[in-house]
Protein backbone atom coordinates (compact mmCIF):
# COMPACT_ATOMS: atom_id res chain seq x y z
CA MET A 1 59.76 -5.45 45.80
CA ASN A 2 58.96 -1.67 46.20
CA LYS A 3 60.65 -0.98 42.56
CA ALA A 4 58.15 -3.46 41.14
CA ILE A 5 55.17 -1.98 42.85
CA ASN A 6 55.93 1.54 41.84
CA ILE A 7 56.45 0.37 38.06
CA VAL A 8 53.11 -1.22 38.33
CA ILE A 9 51.57 1.91 39.61
CA VAL A 10 53.12 4.07 36.97
CA LEU A 11 51.85 1.78 34.28
CA LEU A 12 48.57 1.78 35.62
CA ILE A 13 48.57 5.48 35.74
CA VAL A 14 49.76 5.68 32.03
CA LEU A 15 47.18 3.32 30.88
CA THR A 16 44.40 5.30 32.73
CA ILE A 17 45.42 8.67 31.16
CA CYS A 18 45.49 6.83 27.75
CA LEU A 19 42.24 5.40 28.31
CA VAL A 20 40.62 8.59 29.48
CA THR A 21 42.32 10.62 26.39
CA PHE A 22 41.01 7.82 23.92
CA SER A 23 37.33 8.17 25.46
CA ILE A 24 37.10 11.78 25.47
CA THR A 25 38.34 11.99 21.93
CA TYR A 26 36.18 9.49 20.78
CA ALA A 27 33.07 10.99 22.42
CA TRP A 28 34.06 14.32 20.91
CA PHE A 29 34.40 12.75 17.40
CA ILE A 30 30.79 11.12 17.59
CA THR A 31 29.33 14.35 18.96
CA SER A 32 30.99 16.69 16.41
CA LYS A 33 29.90 14.06 13.46
CA THR A 34 26.27 14.11 14.23
CA THR A 35 25.92 17.83 15.20
CA ASN A 36 27.97 19.54 12.29
CA ASN A 37 25.76 18.25 9.69
CA VAL A 38 22.43 19.71 10.94
CA SER A 39 21.81 22.05 7.87
CA GLY A 40 21.91 19.17 5.42
CA ALA A 41 20.08 16.64 7.42
CA THR A 42 17.37 14.59 6.22
CA SER A 43 14.70 12.42 7.89
CA GLY A 44 16.11 9.29 5.91
CA LYS A 45 12.06 8.68 5.25
CA LEU A 46 10.37 9.24 2.10
CA GLU A 47 7.58 11.86 2.69
CA ILE A 48 5.23 13.02 0.07
CA VAL A 49 2.59 15.85 0.08
CA TYR A 50 -0.33 14.80 -2.47
CA ASP A 51 -3.52 17.05 -3.25
CA LYS A 52 -5.85 14.46 -4.67
CA GLY A 53 -8.06 16.91 -6.44
CA GLN A 54 -11.54 15.92 -7.75
CA ASP A 55 -12.86 12.38 -8.60
CA VAL A 56 -13.11 11.76 -12.39
CA THR A 57 -16.95 11.08 -12.77
CA GLY A 58 -19.66 11.90 -15.46
CA THR A 59 -21.25 11.25 -18.43
CA LEU A 60 -19.40 10.94 -21.68
CA ARG A 61 -20.61 12.22 -25.10
CA PRO A 62 -18.62 11.85 -28.17
CA SER A 63 -16.13 14.90 -29.01
CA SER A 64 -13.51 16.05 -31.31
CA SER A 65 -11.70 17.24 -28.40
CA LYS A 66 -10.32 16.16 -25.26
CA ASP A 67 -11.18 19.46 -23.65
CA ASN A 68 -14.93 18.47 -23.98
CA GLY A 69 -14.48 15.39 -21.83
CA LEU A 70 -13.83 14.59 -18.32
CA ILE A 71 -10.94 16.48 -16.72
CA ALA A 72 -9.15 16.11 -13.34
CA THR A 73 -6.07 17.60 -11.67
CA VAL A 74 -3.85 16.32 -8.99
CA LYS A 75 -0.49 17.48 -7.25
CA ILE A 76 2.30 15.75 -5.75
CA ARG A 77 5.78 16.69 -4.37
CA GLN A 78 8.23 15.21 -1.87
CA SER A 79 8.81 17.36 1.64
CA GLN A 80 11.85 19.48 1.96
CA THR A 81 13.35 16.64 4.36
CA SER A 82 12.43 13.77 2.38
CA VAL A 83 14.98 11.21 0.59
CA ASN A 84 14.48 11.59 -3.09
CA GLY A 85 11.36 9.68 -4.36
CA LEU A 86 9.69 8.19 -7.47
CA GLY A 87 5.96 8.80 -7.68
CA THR A 88 3.31 6.55 -9.43
CA ILE A 89 -0.09 8.30 -10.54
CA THR A 90 -3.12 5.84 -10.97
CA LEU A 91 -6.61 5.76 -12.32
CA ASN A 92 -8.68 3.66 -10.34
CA VAL A 93 -11.61 2.96 -12.44
CA VAL A 94 -14.84 2.31 -10.16
CA ASN A 95 -17.31 1.88 -12.73
CA ILE A 96 -17.13 1.59 -16.62
CA ALA A 97 -20.08 0.84 -18.86
CA PRO A 98 -18.78 -2.32 -21.12
CA GLU A 99 -19.86 0.06 -24.18
CA LEU A 100 -17.16 2.35 -23.14
CA ALA A 101 -14.19 -0.43 -22.67
CA ILE A 102 -13.03 0.66 -26.42
CA ASN A 103 -10.13 2.21 -28.21
CA GLY A 104 -12.38 5.13 -28.77
CA LEU A 105 -12.45 6.16 -25.03
CA LYS A 106 -9.02 7.76 -24.72
CA TRP A 107 -7.09 9.25 -21.82
CA GLU A 108 -4.04 11.73 -22.07
CA LEU A 109 -1.97 12.94 -19.10
CA TYR A 110 -0.14 16.33 -18.91
CA ASN A 111 2.01 17.96 -16.34
CA ASP A 112 2.76 21.64 -15.75
CA TYR A 113 6.17 21.36 -17.36
CA SER A 114 5.19 19.97 -20.82
CA ASP A 115 2.90 21.08 -23.51
CA SER A 116 2.50 17.78 -24.96
CA SER A 117 1.06 14.71 -23.31
CA ILE A 118 3.64 12.75 -21.10
CA SER A 119 1.38 9.59 -21.18
CA THR A 120 -1.69 8.37 -23.17
CA GLY A 121 -3.96 5.37 -23.55
CA THR A 122 -7.39 3.83 -24.08
CA PHE A 123 -9.98 2.14 -22.23
CA SER A 124 -9.96 -1.05 -24.37
CA GLY A 125 -10.56 -4.02 -22.30
CA VAL A 126 -10.67 -1.95 -19.00
CA THR A 127 -13.31 -3.20 -16.50
CA SER A 128 -14.84 -1.81 -13.49
CA ASN A 129 -12.64 -1.90 -10.25
CA SER A 130 -9.59 -1.83 -12.18
CA GLN A 131 -6.43 0.43 -12.36
CA ILE A 132 -4.32 2.08 -14.81
CA ASP A 133 -1.00 3.40 -14.10
CA LEU A 134 -0.99 6.81 -15.92
CA ILE A 135 2.74 7.44 -14.96
CA LYS A 136 5.17 5.26 -13.30
CA ASP A 137 8.28 6.19 -11.26
CA TYR A 138 8.11 9.91 -11.86
CA PRO A 139 10.96 11.80 -10.23
CA LEU A 140 9.57 13.67 -7.34
CA THR A 141 10.85 17.10 -6.35
CA THR A 142 10.48 19.51 -3.57
CA THR A 143 8.11 21.62 -5.85
CA ASP A 144 4.52 20.78 -6.61
CA THR A 145 4.23 18.99 -10.12
CA LYS A 146 0.48 19.48 -11.49
CA PHE A 147 -0.88 16.64 -13.49
CA THR A 148 -4.04 16.99 -15.67
CA LEU A 149 -5.87 14.24 -16.99
CA TYR A 150 -8.23 14.24 -19.83
CA ILE A 151 -10.76 11.51 -20.64
CA TRP A 152 -12.89 11.71 -23.55
CA LEU A 153 -14.91 9.94 -26.37
CA ASN A 154 -13.36 10.26 -29.53
CA GLY A 155 -16.38 11.22 -31.84
CA SER A 156 -14.51 9.82 -35.23
CA GLU A 157 -14.05 6.51 -33.59
CA VAL A 158 -17.38 5.61 -31.71
CA ASN A 159 -21.19 5.48 -32.60
CA ASN A 160 -24.38 5.90 -30.76
CA SER A 161 -24.03 2.90 -28.59
CA VAL A 162 -21.65 4.92 -26.25
CA MET A 163 -24.06 7.92 -25.95
CA ASN A 164 -24.60 8.94 -22.36
CA LYS A 165 -22.80 6.09 -20.68
CA SER A 166 -21.51 6.89 -17.29
CA PHE A 167 -18.06 6.53 -16.04
CA SER A 168 -16.60 6.86 -12.67
CA ALA A 169 -12.84 6.96 -11.31
CA TYR A 170 -10.70 8.44 -8.80
CA ILE A 171 -6.91 9.19 -8.96
CA SER A 172 -4.39 8.07 -6.45
CA ALA A 173 -0.63 8.34 -5.98
CA THR A 174 2.20 6.06 -4.59
CA ALA A 175 5.65 6.80 -4.20
CA ARG A 176 8.80 4.94 -3.22
CA SER A 177 12.38 5.86 -2.23
CA LYS A 178 14.74 6.45 -5.14
CA SER A 179 17.28 3.59 -5.01
CA ALA A 180 20.97 4.35 -5.30
CA ASN A 181 21.38 2.38 -8.58
CA LEU A 182 18.53 4.54 -10.18
CA GLU A 183 20.37 7.95 -9.32
């Protein structure tokens, strides 16, 4: 009987040593995994920095150049610790005279990386309190991207019915995380 008790005690000691060794190894592995990756750590959340710029408001007069219309700029970027994101820049039309909801009222969007427009459109059929996506799903970076919006009446496409009509809008931005299947 003493021999059986000694075998049980030895087995309990060996199992205890194995359990303690396993626990210490597991704890060390988990701690190492979470602390060794600090330099490349991200928040796991989308964080954007957005500089709204000025509202797009004024009286429009026919012109031959976009530079003689309404001009607004915005800046957008993701923070250094953000996951990759896609941004959308939207024009929120607060008030547009019905006479301005025509093909002759044009818009063009530029960014500071291109000499040509990255998107264009007209205000044909646009009403007050509506939205126009100027650019959708633009890949954000940690460097500011400046967007410049031009809105003007093309003098060769309009008549006197649009003279001195007012227009007001503001620009907003939204962003979403870039999903794995888009990368």
